[in-house]
Amino acid sequence: MNTYKTNQQRKDSLKIAAVDIYHPQTIRDNDYFLRRFENDDKVKGILEKVGRDKRYVIVGNEENALTMAINASKKVLKEHNINDGDIDIIIFASTTLEYLSPTNAMWLHSALKLKKECVCFDVNANCLGMFLALEQASVLLQSKESYKRALVIGADQLSKIGSENTPIPSTIVGDAAAAIIIEKVLDDSESGMIDRVYQTDSSFADTIVLPPKGFSCSETVNEKIHWATFSGIESVEFAAVALDELLEKNNLKIEDISCFLLSQFTKMNINILQEKKNIPWEKIEYIGDVYGYTGANSLFIAYESRLKKGLIESGDIIVLWTLGAGYQTGLMLWRL
């Protein structure tokens, strides 16, 4: 009996074994939008508040969230030298799903020629999607001995959901995909998800709605997103409190954190959290000025950027915080 309990309580280490990103080639800088909305004197202030400079966007019909996901996934599999299709779990996270049936994860499975012994599903938690997918991949990998490797992808084509006549959200978003491989490692590094916490405040459920009146209302299915005033600032207090709670619970301090990967929705919120918790700016990776806001994957584009700079390494502890429409928000501690 004691041996059984010991085996059940044992947790294998989990590594983010590889990460790669994909984005379209067309760049639109702030000047493009200042010209486009030259009669709206609020646009310049919006761009400054959210911290934008340029963003990559899809032009035409040849690309979408799924094609970007396939491209990012092919790159990450090649990077990790997986040529035999040996992936046990695929989780695809997106707000701008290309298909409702079959799952986009299944289209990925087909395009990547992965083995049949693989579970595939989509997650739509809006901009919290890839954060949640990372958690679910971690839980699944730990749940079954034969599971060794998960492919988690976040892709959003947010440039298509905004109206051409209104600056929000079109001025602040970009299109991109990020793919990561989570791998079970038999060692004593204790890498992987340390802890996480969520908060949901559904009183904001009617602020960002797509389609505006639901799929059952056929005349509005193809309408652009309904976007009322929403900055996400309400979730910053949660992030501050949750950070304190998780650090204390796990006997950690701010000084023990190597990097903060924070919601790229608006730089203003990052600045507020940074000041609240006195986080050294050099520990924060901000990429919203280069990519715009890319939705579900923005934290992991920031992770790829940080990794490319050589500023994080195995054994480091990182903080991830993001939020999705409605709103729901989460904060996670992860050991690399």
C-alpha atoms as a PDB file:
ATOM      1  CA  MET A   1       0.000   0.000   0.000  1.00  0.00           C
ATOM      2  CA  ASN A   2       2.760   2.458   0.883  1.00  0.00           C
ATOM      3  CA  THR A   3       4.617   1.662  -2.335  1.00  0.00           C
ATOM      4  CA  TYR A   4       1.435   2.282  -4.323  1.00  0.00           C
ATOM      5  CA  LYS A   5       0.996   5.725  -2.746  1.00  0.00           C
ATOM      6  CA  THR A   6       4.605   6.641  -3.389  1.00  0.00           C
ATOM      7  CA  ASN A   7       4.266   5.775  -7.074  1.00  0.00           C
ATOM      8  CA  GLN A   8       1.018   7.730  -7.367  1.00  0.00           C
ATOM      9  CA  GLN A   9       2.528  10.800  -5.752  1.00  0.00           C
ATOM     10  CA  ARG A  10       5.648  10.779  -7.910  1.00  0.00           C
ATOM     11  CA  LYS A  11       5.729  13.556 -10.507  1.00  0.00           C
ATOM     12  CA  ASP A  12       8.008  13.461 -13.514  1.00  0.00           C
ATOM     13  CA  SER A  13       9.719  16.666 -14.534  1.00  0.00           C
ATOM     14  CA  LEU A  14       8.274  18.534 -17.512  1.00  0.00           C
ATOM     15  CA  LYS A  15      10.371  20.642 -19.855  1.00  0.00           C
ATOM     16  CA  ILE A  16       9.455  23.202 -22.469  1.00  0.00           C
ATOM     17  CA  ALA A  17      11.694  21.328 -24.857  1.00  0.00           C
ATOM     18  CA  ALA A  18      11.279  23.641 -27.850  1.00  0.00           C
ATOM     19  CA  VAL A  19       9.449  26.770 -28.957  1.00  0.00           C
ATOM     20  CA  ASP A  20       9.010  28.457 -32.311  1.00  0.00           C
ATOM     21  CA  ILE A  21       6.782  31.124 -33.805  1.00  0.00           C
ATOM     22  CA  TYR A  22       5.304  32.109 -37.142  1.00  0.00           C
ATOM     23  CA  HIS A  23       3.877  35.389 -38.354  1.00  0.00           C
ATOM     24  CA  PRO A  24       2.788  36.751 -41.755  1.00  0.00           C
ATOM     25  CA  GLN A  25       5.085  39.045 -43.703  1.00  0.00           C
ATOM     26  CA  THR A  26       3.023  42.239 -43.977  1.00  0.00           C
ATOM     27  CA  ILE A  27       3.995  44.873 -41.399  1.00  0.00           C
ATOM     28  CA  ARG A  28       1.722  47.746 -40.465  1.00  0.00           C
ATOM     29  CA  ASP A  29       3.271  50.441 -38.333  1.00  0.00           C
ATOM     30  CA  ASN A  30       1.607  53.151 -36.275  1.00  0.00           C
ATOM     31  CA  ASP A  31       1.772  55.651 -39.146  1.00  0.00           C
ATOM     32  CA  TYR A  32      -0.502  53.377 -41.194  1.00  0.00           C
ATOM     33  CA  PHE A  33      -3.223  53.578 -38.558  1.00  0.00           C
ATOM     34  CA  LEU A  34      -2.707  57.267 -37.836  1.00  0.00           C
ATOM     35  CA  ARG A  35      -3.358  57.923 -41.535  1.00  0.00           C
ATOM     36  CA  ARG A  36      -6.276  55.484 -41.645  1.00  0.00           C
ATOM     37  CA  PHE A  37      -7.964  57.129 -38.663  1.00  0.00           C
ATOM     38  CA  GLU A  38      -6.703  60.651 -39.233  1.00  0.00           C
ATOM     39  CA  ASN A  39     -10.022  62.141 -38.137  1.00  0.00           C
ATOM     40  CA  ASP A  40      -9.964  60.348 -34.789  1.00  0.00           C
ATOM     41  CA  ASP A  41      -7.807  62.324 -32.363  1.00  0.00           C
ATOM     42  CA  LYS A  42      -7.884  59.495 -29.793  1.00  0.00           C
ATOM     43  CA  VAL A  43      -5.854  57.005 -31.840  1.00  0.00           C
ATOM     44  CA  LYS A  44      -2.423  58.416 -31.010  1.00  0.00           C
ATOM     45  CA  GLY A  45      -3.200  58.240 -27.299  1.00  0.00           C
ATOM     46  CA  ILE A  46      -4.472  54.654 -27.640  1.00  0.00           C
ATOM     47  CA  LEU A  47      -1.281  53.561 -29.387  1.00  0.00           C
ATOM     48  CA  GLU A  48       0.861  55.154 -26.704  1.00  0.00           C
ATOM     49  CA  LYS A  49      -1.149  53.618 -23.851  1.00  0.00           C
ATOM     50  CA  VAL A  50      -1.035  50.097 -25.256  1.00  0.00           C
ATOM     51  CA  GLY A  51       2.605  50.459 -26.331  1.00  0.00           C
ATOM     52  CA  ARG A  52       2.435  49.657 -30.026  1.00  0.00           C
ATOM     53  CA  ASP A  53       4.911  50.364 -32.813  1.00  0.00           C
ATOM     54  CA  LYS A  54       4.327  47.777 -35.510  1.00  0.00           C
ATOM     55  CA  ARG A  55       2.480  44.509 -36.005  1.00  0.00           C
ATOM     56  CA  TYR A  56       2.374  41.649 -38.536  1.00  0.00           C
ATOM     57  CA  VAL A  57      -0.981  41.087 -40.248  1.00  0.00           C
ATOM     58  CA  ILE A  58      -2.489  38.695 -42.757  1.00  0.00           C
ATOM     59  CA  VAL A  59      -3.461  40.297 -46.057  1.00  0.00           C
ATOM     60  CA  GLY A  60      -5.690  38.275 -48.380  1.00  0.00           C
ATOM     61  CA  ASN A  61      -7.182  34.820 -47.933  1.00  0.00           C
ATOM     62  CA  GLU A  62      -4.177  32.533 -48.252  1.00  0.00           C
ATOM     63  CA  GLU A  63      -3.383  32.486 -44.524  1.00  0.00           C
ATOM     64  CA  ASN A  64      -5.414  32.078 -41.360  1.00  0.00           C
ATOM     65  CA  ALA A  65      -5.000  30.913 -37.760  1.00  0.00           C
ATOM     66  CA  LEU A  66      -4.748  27.266 -38.795  1.00  0.00           C
ATOM     67  CA  THR A  67      -2.154  27.769 -41.534  1.00  0.00           C
ATOM     68  CA  MET A  68      -0.054  29.835 -39.132  1.00  0.00           C
ATOM     69  CA  ALA A  69      -0.385  27.073 -36.529  1.00  0.00           C
ATOM     70  CA  ILE A  70       0.777  24.464 -39.042  1.00  0.00           C
ATOM     71  CA  ASN A  71       3.794  26.572 -40.006  1.00  0.00           C
ATOM     72  CA  ALA A  72       4.788  27.193 -36.379  1.00  0.00           C
ATOM     73  CA  SER A  73       4.325  23.502 -35.546  1.00  0.00           C
ATOM     74  CA  LYS A  74       6.448  22.328 -38.465  1.00  0.00           C
ATOM     75  CA  LYS A  75       9.207  24.678 -37.336  1.00  0.00           C
ATOM     76  CA  VAL A  76       9.148  23.493 -33.725  1.00  0.00           C
ATOM     77  CA  LEU A  77       9.106  19.800 -34.680  1.00  0.00           C
ATOM     78  CA  LYS A  78      12.081  20.364 -36.947  1.00  0.00           C
ATOM     79  CA  GLU A  79      13.879  22.300 -34.216  1.00  0.00           C
ATOM     80  CA  HIS A  80      13.367  19.443 -31.762  1.00  0.00           C
ATOM     81  CA  ASN A  81      14.291  16.876 -34.427  1.00  0.00           C
ATOM     82  CA  ILE A  82      10.976  15.010 -34.280  1.00  0.00           C
ATOM     83  CA  ASN A  83      10.718  13.262 -37.619  1.00  0.00           C
ATOM     84  CA  ASP A  84       8.704  10.197 -36.614  1.00  0.00           C
ATOM     85  CA  GLY A  85       5.463  11.875 -35.547  1.00  0.00           C
ATOM     86  CA  ASP A  86       5.978  10.930 -31.909  1.00  0.00           C
ATOM     87  CA  ILE A  87       3.543  13.326 -30.244  1.00  0.00           C
ATOM     88  CA  ASP A  88       1.015  12.028 -27.707  1.00  0.00           C
ATOM     89  CA  ILE A  89      -1.099  15.155 -27.200  1.00  0.00           C
ATOM     90  CA  ILE A  90      -2.036  18.099 -29.440  1.00  0.00           C
ATOM     91  CA  ILE A  91      -3.825  21.092 -27.939  1.00  0.00           C
ATOM     92  CA  PHE A  92      -4.707  24.009 -30.190  1.00  0.00           C
ATOM     93  CA  ALA A  93      -5.713  27.323 -28.586  1.00  0.00           C
ATOM     94  CA  SER A  94      -7.406  30.106 -30.519  1.00  0.00           C
ATOM     95  CA  THR A  95     -10.210  32.647 -30.494  1.00  0.00           C
ATOM     96  CA  THR A  96     -10.305  32.732 -34.296  1.00  0.00           C
ATOM     97  CA  LEU A  97     -10.808  29.013 -34.944  1.00  0.00           C
ATOM     98  CA  GLU A  98     -10.825  28.163 -38.628  1.00  0.00           C
ATOM     99  CA  TYR A  99     -13.115  25.133 -38.126  1.00  0.00           C
ATOM    100  CA  LEU A 100     -15.662  24.048 -35.546  1.00  0.00           C
ATOM    101  CA  SER A 101     -15.675  20.490 -36.908  1.00  0.00           C
ATOM    102  CA  PRO A 102     -13.432  18.606 -37.039  1.00  0.00           C
ATOM    103  CA  THR A 103     -11.144  20.175 -34.494  1.00  0.00           C
ATOM    104  CA  ASN A 104      -8.315  22.335 -35.722  1.00  0.00           C
ATOM    105  CA  ALA A 105      -6.031  20.078 -33.692  1.00  0.00           C
ATOM    106  CA  MET A 106      -7.097  17.219 -35.965  1.00  0.00           C
ATOM    107  CA  TRP A 107      -6.200  19.236 -39.070  1.00  0.00           C
ATOM    108  CA  LEU A 108      -2.817  19.849 -37.441  1.00  0.00           C
ATOM    109  CA  HIS A 109      -2.445  16.125 -36.762  1.00  0.00           C
ATOM    110  CA  SER A 110      -3.072  15.429 -40.449  1.00  0.00           C
ATOM    111  CA  ALA A 111      -0.776  18.152 -41.758  1.00  0.00           C
ATOM    112  CA  LEU A 112       2.069  17.106 -39.449  1.00  0.00           C
ATOM    113  CA  LYS A 113       1.607  13.367 -40.159  1.00  0.00           C
ATOM    114  CA  LEU A 114       1.626  12.418 -36.492  1.00  0.00           C
ATOM    115  CA  LYS A 115       1.032   8.947 -35.060  1.00  0.00           C
ATOM    116  CA  LYS A 116      -2.505   7.629 -34.512  1.00  0.00           C
ATOM    117  CA  GLU A 117      -1.988   7.109 -30.772  1.00  0.00           C
ATOM    118  CA  CYS A 118      -2.558  10.803 -30.108  1.00  0.00           C
ATOM    119  CA  VAL A 119      -5.292  12.828 -28.404  1.00  0.00           C
ATOM    120  CA  CYS A 120      -6.251  16.054 -30.210  1.00  0.00           C
ATOM    121  CA  PHE A 121      -8.486  18.875 -29.038  1.00  0.00           C
ATOM    122  CA  ASP A 122      -9.055  22.620 -29.261  1.00  0.00           C
ATOM    123  CA  VAL A 123      -9.249  25.154 -26.439  1.00  0.00           C
ATOM    124  CA  ASN A 124     -11.048  28.473 -26.740  1.00  0.00           C
ATOM    125  CA  ALA A 125     -10.494  30.489 -23.590  1.00  0.00           C
ATOM    126  CA  ASN A 126      -9.862  33.576 -25.693  1.00  0.00           C
ATOM    127  CA  CYS A 127      -6.563  35.222 -24.767  1.00  0.00           C
ATOM    128  CA  LEU A 128      -6.140  32.865 -21.806  1.00  0.00           C
ATOM    129  CA  GLY A 129      -6.171  29.940 -24.236  1.00  0.00           C
ATOM    130  CA  MET A 130      -2.529  28.916 -24.566  1.00  0.00           C
ATOM    131  CA  PHE A 131      -1.914  29.497 -20.852  1.00  0.00           C
ATOM    132  CA  LEU A 132      -4.761  27.071 -20.125  1.00  0.00           C
ATOM    133  CA  ALA A 133      -3.503  24.662 -22.803  1.00  0.00           C
ATOM    134  CA  LEU A 134      -0.079  24.585 -21.130  1.00  0.00           C
ATOM    135  CA  GLU A 135      -1.751  23.698 -17.826  1.00  0.00           C
ATOM    136  CA  GLN A 136      -3.896  20.974 -19.417  1.00  0.00           C
ATOM    137  CA  ALA A 137      -0.942  19.490 -21.308  1.00  0.00           C
ATOM    138  CA  SER A 138       0.992  19.333 -18.044  1.00  0.00           C
ATOM    139  CA  VAL A 139      -1.864  17.599 -16.223  1.00  0.00           C
ATOM    140  CA  LEU A 140      -2.396  15.100 -19.056  1.00  0.00           C
ATOM    141  CA  LEU A 141       1.287  14.242 -19.359  1.00  0.00           C
ATOM    142  CA  GLN A 142       1.397  13.482 -15.642  1.00  0.00           C
ATOM    143  CA  SER A 143      -1.793  11.401 -15.806  1.00  0.00           C
ATOM    144  CA  LYS A 144      -0.584   8.527 -17.959  1.00  0.00           C
ATOM    145  CA  GLU A 145       2.780   6.808 -18.029  1.00  0.00           C
ATOM    146  CA  SER A 146       2.776   6.278 -21.796  1.00  0.00           C
ATOM    147  CA  TYR A 147       2.329  10.012 -22.496  1.00  0.00           C
ATOM    148  CA  LYS A 148       5.760  11.511 -23.169  1.00  0.00           C
ATOM    149  CA  ARG A 149       5.320  14.601 -25.316  1.00  0.00           C
ATOM    150  CA  ALA A 150       2.685  17.277 -25.991  1.00  0.00           C
ATOM    151  CA  LEU A 151       2.470  19.844 -28.777  1.00  0.00           C
ATOM    152  CA  VAL A 152       0.707  23.035 -27.662  1.00  0.00           C
ATOM    153  CA  ILE A 153      -0.107  25.683 -30.249  1.00  0.00           C
ATOM    154  CA  GLY A 154      -1.697  29.102 -29.976  1.00  0.00           C
ATOM    155  CA  ALA A 155      -2.694  30.978 -33.132  1.00  0.00           C
ATOM    156  CA  ASP A 156      -4.928  33.977 -33.680  1.00  0.00           C
ATOM    157  CA  GLN A 157      -5.842  36.077 -36.694  1.00  0.00           C
ATOM    158  CA  LEU A 158      -7.117  39.015 -34.682  1.00  0.00           C
ATOM    159  CA  SER A 159      -6.734  41.506 -37.530  1.00  0.00           C
ATOM    160  CA  LYS A 160      -9.868  40.073 -39.170  1.00  0.00           C
ATOM    161  CA  ILE A 161     -12.289  40.555 -36.276  1.00  0.00           C
ATOM    162  CA  GLY A 162     -12.247  44.364 -36.097  1.00  0.00           C
ATOM    163  CA  SER A 163     -14.295  46.794 -38.141  1.00  0.00           C
ATOM    164  CA  GLU A 164     -12.439  48.958 -40.666  1.00  0.00           C
ATOM    165  CA  ASN A 165     -14.324  51.971 -39.319  1.00  0.00           C
ATOM    166  CA  THR A 166     -13.289  51.730 -35.664  1.00  0.00           C
ATOM    167  CA  PRO A 167      -9.741  51.861 -34.255  1.00  0.00           C
ATOM    168  CA  ILE A 168     -10.307  49.203 -31.563  1.00  0.00           C
ATOM    169  CA  PRO A 169      -9.232  46.473 -31.810  1.00  0.00           C
ATOM    170  CA  SER A 170      -7.654  46.777 -35.278  1.00  0.00           C
ATOM    171  CA  THR A 171      -4.957  49.298 -34.255  1.00  0.00           C
ATOM    172  CA  ILE A 172      -3.665  47.223 -31.341  1.00  0.00           C
ATOM    173  CA  VAL A 173      -3.625  43.640 -32.662  1.00  0.00           C
ATOM    174  CA  GLY A 174      -1.433  41.488 -34.867  1.00  0.00           C
ATOM    175  CA  ASP A 175      -1.522  37.956 -36.282  1.00  0.00           C
ATOM    176  CA  ALA A 176       0.832  35.186 -35.192  1.00  0.00           C
ATOM    177  CA  ALA A 177       1.234  31.614 -33.968  1.00  0.00           C
ATOM    178  CA  ALA A 178       3.448  30.036 -31.331  1.00  0.00           C
ATOM    179  CA  ALA A 179       4.129  26.333 -30.847  1.00  0.00           C
ATOM    180  CA  ILE A 180       5.808  24.650 -27.900  1.00  0.00           C
ATOM    181  CA  ILE A 181       6.719  21.058 -27.102  1.00  0.00           C
ATOM    182  CA  ILE A 182       6.251  19.927 -23.503  1.00  0.00           C
ATOM    183  CA  GLU A 183       8.261  16.818 -22.755  1.00  0.00           C
ATOM    184  CA  LYS A 184       8.336  14.460 -19.795  1.00  0.00           C
ATOM    185  CA  VAL A 185      11.857  14.131 -18.390  1.00  0.00           C
ATOM    186  CA  LEU A 186      12.929  11.411 -15.968  1.00  0.00           C
ATOM    187  CA  ASP A 187      15.196  13.388 -13.664  1.00  0.00           C
ATOM    188  CA  ASP A 188      15.126  15.181 -10.319  1.00  0.00           C
ATOM    189  CA  SER A 189      15.088  18.738 -11.674  1.00  0.00           C
ATOM    190  CA  GLU A 190      11.454  19.311 -10.587  1.00  0.00           C
ATOM    191  CA  SER A 191      10.939  21.355 -13.726  1.00  0.00           C
ATOM    192  CA  GLY A 192       7.407  22.060 -14.879  1.00  0.00           C
ATOM    193  CA  MET A 193       4.336  23.741 -13.475  1.00  0.00           C
ATOM    194  CA  ILE A 194       4.874  24.710  -9.841  1.00  0.00           C
ATOM    195  CA  ASP A 195       1.472  26.256  -9.162  1.00  0.00           C
ATOM    196  CA  ARG A 196      -1.299  28.344 -10.734  1.00  0.00           C
ATOM    197  CA  VAL A 197      -4.406  30.259  -9.758  1.00  0.00           C
ATOM    198  CA  TYR A 198      -7.386  31.647 -11.692  1.00  0.00           C
ATOM    199  CA  GLN A 199     -10.039  34.310 -11.240  1.00  0.00           C
ATOM    200  CA  THR A 200     -13.247  34.823 -13.245  1.00  0.00           C
ATOM    201  CA  ASP A 201     -15.335  38.010 -13.168  1.00  0.00           C
ATOM    202  CA  SER A 202     -18.228  37.341 -15.523  1.00  0.00           C
ATOM    203  CA  SER A 203     -19.726  40.801 -14.956  1.00  0.00           C
ATOM    204  CA  PHE A 204     -17.614  41.794 -17.990  1.00  0.00           C
ATOM    205  CA  ALA A 205     -19.097  39.036 -20.190  1.00  0.00           C
ATOM    206  CA  ASP A 206     -20.885  41.510 -22.485  1.00  0.00           C
ATOM    207  CA  THR A 207     -17.893  43.773 -23.164  1.00  0.00           C
ATOM    208  CA  ILE A 208     -16.136  41.764 -25.900  1.00  0.00           C
ATOM    209  CA  VAL A 209     -18.548  39.575 -27.860  1.00  0.00           C
ATOM    210  CA  LEU A 210     -18.085  37.674 -31.161  1.00  0.00           C
ATOM    211  CA  PRO A 211     -20.399  37.239 -33.012  1.00  0.00           C
ATOM    212  CA  PRO A 212     -22.268  40.128 -31.386  1.00  0.00           C
ATOM    213  CA  LYS A 213     -25.573  38.242 -30.986  1.00  0.00           C
ATOM    214  CA  GLY A 214     -24.361  34.655 -31.157  1.00  0.00           C
ATOM    215  CA  PHE A 215     -24.344  32.070 -33.937  1.00  0.00           C
ATOM    216  CA  SER A 216     -28.096  31.491 -33.682  1.00  0.00           C
ATOM    217  CA  CYS A 217     -28.735  35.038 -34.913  1.00  0.00           C
ATOM    218  CA  SER A 218     -27.904  34.456 -38.571  1.00  0.00           C
ATOM    219  CA  GLU A 219     -27.934  38.110 -39.646  1.00  0.00           C
ATOM    220  CA  THR A 220     -25.057  38.959 -37.287  1.00  0.00           C
ATOM    221  CA  VAL A 221     -22.862  35.865 -37.681  1.00  0.00           C
ATOM    222  CA  ASN A 222     -20.547  37.661 -40.095  1.00  0.00           C
ATOM    223  CA  GLU A 223     -20.494  40.951 -38.199  1.00  0.00           C
ATOM    224  CA  LYS A 224     -17.282  42.193 -36.635  1.00  0.00           C
ATOM    225  CA  ILE A 225     -16.612  41.993 -32.942  1.00  0.00           C
ATOM    226  CA  HIS A 226     -18.596  44.013 -30.396  1.00  0.00           C
ATOM    227  CA  TRP A 227     -15.960  45.748 -28.261  1.00  0.00           C
ATOM    228  CA  ALA A 228     -17.147  47.961 -25.417  1.00  0.00           C
ATOM    229  CA  THR A 229     -14.762  49.848 -23.143  1.00  0.00           C
ATOM    230  CA  PHE A 230     -12.398  47.292 -21.648  1.00  0.00           C
ATOM    231  CA  SER A 231      -8.768  47.748 -20.640  1.00  0.00           C
ATOM    232  CA  GLY A 232      -8.243  44.696 -18.437  1.00  0.00           C
ATOM    233  CA  ILE A 233      -7.038  46.941 -15.640  1.00  0.00           C
ATOM    234  CA  GLU A 234      -9.383  45.166 -13.220  1.00  0.00           C
ATOM    235  CA  SER A 235      -7.276  42.015 -13.508  1.00  0.00           C
ATOM    236  CA  VAL A 236      -4.047  43.776 -12.490  1.00  0.00           C
ATOM    237  CA  GLU A 237      -5.020  43.770  -8.815  1.00  0.00           C
ATOM    238  CA  PHE A 238      -5.672  40.029  -9.066  1.00  0.00           C
ATOM    239  CA  ALA A 239      -2.218  39.538 -10.585  1.00  0.00           C
ATOM    240  CA  ALA A 240      -0.590  41.505  -7.754  1.00  0.00           C
ATOM    241  CA  VAL A 241      -2.403  39.556  -5.027  1.00  0.00           C
ATOM    242  CA  ALA A 242      -2.017  36.179  -6.762  1.00  0.00           C
ATOM    243  CA  LEU A 243       1.699  36.759  -7.235  1.00  0.00           C
ATOM    244  CA  ASP A 244       2.148  37.391  -3.509  1.00  0.00           C
ATOM    245  CA  GLU A 245       0.076  34.349  -2.596  1.00  0.00           C
ATOM    246  CA  LEU A 246       1.858  31.930  -4.918  1.00  0.00           C
ATOM    247  CA  LEU A 247       5.302  33.188  -3.989  1.00  0.00           C
ATOM    248  CA  GLU A 248       4.565  32.858  -0.275  1.00  0.00           C
ATOM    249  CA  LYS A 249       2.927  29.458  -0.692  1.00  0.00           C
ATOM    250  CA  ASN A 250       5.971  28.127  -2.556  1.00  0.00           C
ATOM    251  CA  ASN A 251       8.608  29.834  -0.361  1.00  0.00           C
ATOM    252  CA  LEU A 252       9.777  32.161  -3.126  1.00  0.00           C
ATOM    253  CA  LYS A 253      10.523  35.862  -3.484  1.00  0.00           C
ATOM    254  CA  ILE A 254      10.512  38.274  -6.421  1.00  0.00           C
ATOM    255  CA  GLU A 255      14.292  37.899  -6.475  1.00  0.00           C
ATOM    256  CA  ASP A 256      13.902  34.182  -7.224  1.00  0.00           C
ATOM    257  CA  ILE A 257      11.985  34.853 -10.441  1.00  0.00           C
ATOM    258  CA  SER A 258      14.111  35.009 -13.580  1.00  0.00           C
ATOM    259  CA  CYS A 259      11.491  36.375 -15.944  1.00  0.00           C
ATOM    260  CA  PHE A 260       7.938  37.743 -15.973  1.00  0.00           C
ATOM    261  CA  LEU A 261       5.907  36.887 -19.072  1.00  0.00           C
ATOM    262  CA  LEU A 262       2.912  39.187 -18.724  1.00  0.00           C
ATOM    263  CA  SER A 263      -0.175  39.884 -20.809  1.00  0.00           C
ATOM    264  CA  GLN A 264       0.846  41.905 -23.857  1.00  0.00           C
ATOM    265  CA  PHE A 265      -2.690  43.334 -24.190  1.00  0.00           C
ATOM    266  CA  THR A 266      -1.583  46.746 -22.999  1.00  0.00           C
ATOM    267  CA  LYS A 267       1.749  48.045 -21.775  1.00  0.00           C
ATOM    268  CA  MET A 268      -0.112  50.286 -19.334  1.00  0.00           C
ATOM    269  CA  ASN A 269      -1.213  47.253 -17.300  1.00  0.00           C
ATOM    270  CA  ILE A 270       2.308  45.845 -17.283  1.00  0.00           C
ATOM    271  CA  ASN A 271       3.604  49.187 -15.999  1.00  0.00           C
ATOM    272  CA  ILE A 272       0.999  49.248 -13.220  1.00  0.00           C
ATOM    273  CA  LEU A 273       1.859  45.713 -12.081  1.00  0.00           C
ATOM    274  CA  GLN A 274       5.576  46.432 -12.334  1.00  0.00           C
ATOM    275  CA  GLU A 275       5.204  49.459 -10.058  1.00  0.00           C
ATOM    276  CA  LYS A 276       2.850  47.690  -7.622  1.00  0.00           C
ATOM    277  CA  LYS A 277       5.249  44.810  -7.044  1.00  0.00           C
ATOM    278  CA  ASN A 278       8.511  46.654  -7.699  1.00  0.00           C
ATOM    279  CA  ILE A 279       9.505  44.186 -10.410  1.00  0.00           C
ATOM    280  CA  PRO A 280      12.815  45.080 -12.086  1.00  0.00           C
ATOM    281  CA  TRP A 281      11.944  46.057 -15.655  1.00  0.00           C
ATOM    282  CA  GLU A 282      14.841  43.994 -16.986  1.00  0.00           C
ATOM    283  CA  LYS A 283      12.991  40.878 -15.782  1.00  0.00           C
ATOM    284  CA  ILE A 284       9.944  41.697 -17.922  1.00  0.00           C
ATOM    285  CA  GLU A 285       9.818  40.671 -21.580  1.00  0.00           C
ATOM    286  CA  TYR A 286       7.699  43.064 -23.642  1.00  0.00           C
ATOM    287  CA  ILE A 287       7.098  42.296 -27.328  1.00  0.00           C
ATOM    288  CA  GLY A 288       3.795  44.124 -27.919  1.00  0.00           C
ATOM    289  CA  ASP A 289       5.619  46.929 -29.698  1.00  0.00           C
ATOM    290  CA  VAL A 290       6.970  44.503 -32.307  1.00  0.00           C
ATOM    291  CA  TYR A 291       4.075  42.055 -32.785  1.00  0.00           C
ATOM    292  CA  GLY A 292       1.031  43.961 -31.584  1.00  0.00           C
ATOM    293  CA  TYR A 293      -1.356  41.999 -29.411  1.00  0.00           C
ATOM    294  CA  THR A 294      -1.490  38.435 -30.756  1.00  0.00           C
ATOM    295  CA  GLY A 295      -4.043  36.967 -28.365  1.00  0.00           C
ATOM    296  CA  ALA A 296      -3.697  33.452 -26.970  1.00  0.00           C
ATOM    297  CA  ASN A 297      -0.014  33.087 -27.840  1.00  0.00           C
ATOM    298  CA  SER A 298       1.417  36.446 -26.757  1.00  0.00           C
ATOM    299  CA  LEU A 299       3.115  35.106 -23.598  1.00  0.00           C
ATOM    300  CA  PHE A 300       4.890  32.439 -25.593  1.00  0.00           C
ATOM    301  CA  ILE A 301       6.096  34.818 -28.271  1.00  0.00           C
ATOM    302  CA  ALA A 302       7.572  36.769 -25.368  1.00  0.00           C
ATOM    303  CA  TYR A 303       9.090  33.518 -24.061  1.00  0.00           C
ATOM    304  CA  GLU A 304      10.666  32.797 -27.454  1.00  0.00           C
ATOM    305  CA  SER A 305      12.064  36.335 -27.545  1.00  0.00           C
ATOM    306  CA  ARG A 306      13.555  35.980 -24.068  1.00  0.00           C
ATOM    307  CA  LEU A 307      15.061  32.610 -24.914  1.00  0.00           C
ATOM    308  CA  LYS A 308      16.587  33.924 -28.128  1.00  0.00           C
ATOM    309  CA  LYS A 309      18.314  36.663 -26.141  1.00  0.00           C
ATOM    310  CA  GLY A 310      19.889  34.034 -23.890  1.00  0.00           C
ATOM    311  CA  LEU A 311      18.292  35.563 -20.786  1.00  0.00           C
ATOM    312  CA  ILE A 312      16.659  32.399 -19.400  1.00  0.00           C
ATOM    313  CA  GLU A 313      18.050  28.938 -18.872  1.00  0.00           C
ATOM    314  CA  SER A 314      17.260  25.548 -17.395  1.00  0.00           C
ATOM    315  CA  GLY A 315      16.332  25.736 -13.717  1.00  0.00           C
ATOM    316  CA  ASP A 316      15.001  29.308 -13.876  1.00  0.00           C
ATOM    317  CA  ILE A 317      11.582  30.075 -12.405  1.00  0.00           C
ATOM    318  CA  ILE A 318       9.272  32.215 -14.524  1.00  0.00           C
ATOM    319  CA  VAL A 319       5.904  33.881 -13.921  1.00  0.00           C
ATOM    320  CA  LEU A 320       3.136  33.814 -16.545  1.00  0.00           C
ATOM    321  CA  TRP A 321       0.099  36.078 -16.253  1.00  0.00           C
ATOM    322  CA  THR A 322      -2.600  36.797 -18.799  1.00  0.00           C
ATOM    323  CA  LEU A 323      -6.327  37.373 -19.183  1.00  0.00           C
ATOM    324  CA  GLY A 324      -9.150  36.588 -21.571  1.00  0.00           C
ATOM    325  CA  ALA A 325     -12.372  38.372 -22.513  1.00  0.00           C
ATOM    326  CA  GLY A 326     -15.204  38.191 -20.085  1.00  0.00           C
ATOM    327  CA  TYR A 327     -12.992  38.315 -18.073  1.00  0.00           C
ATOM    328  CA  GLN A 328     -10.963  35.407 -16.732  1.00  0.00           C
ATOM    329  CA  THR A 329      -7.349  35.634 -15.712  1.00  0.00           C
ATOM    330  CA  GLY A 330      -4.624  33.311 -14.499  1.00  0.00           C
ATOM    331  CA  LEU A 331      -1.149  33.428 -12.998  1.00  0.00           C
ATOM    332  CA  MET A 332       1.312  30.529 -13.080  1.00  0.00           C
ATOM    333  CA  LEU A 333       4.736  29.666 -11.676  1.00  0.00           C
ATOM    334  CA  TRP A 334       6.838  27.426 -13.926  1.00  0.00           C
ATOM    335  CA  ARG A 335      10.326  26.026 -13.390  1.00  0.00           C
ATOM    336  CA  LEU A 336      12.288  25.671 -16.626  1.00  0.00           C
END
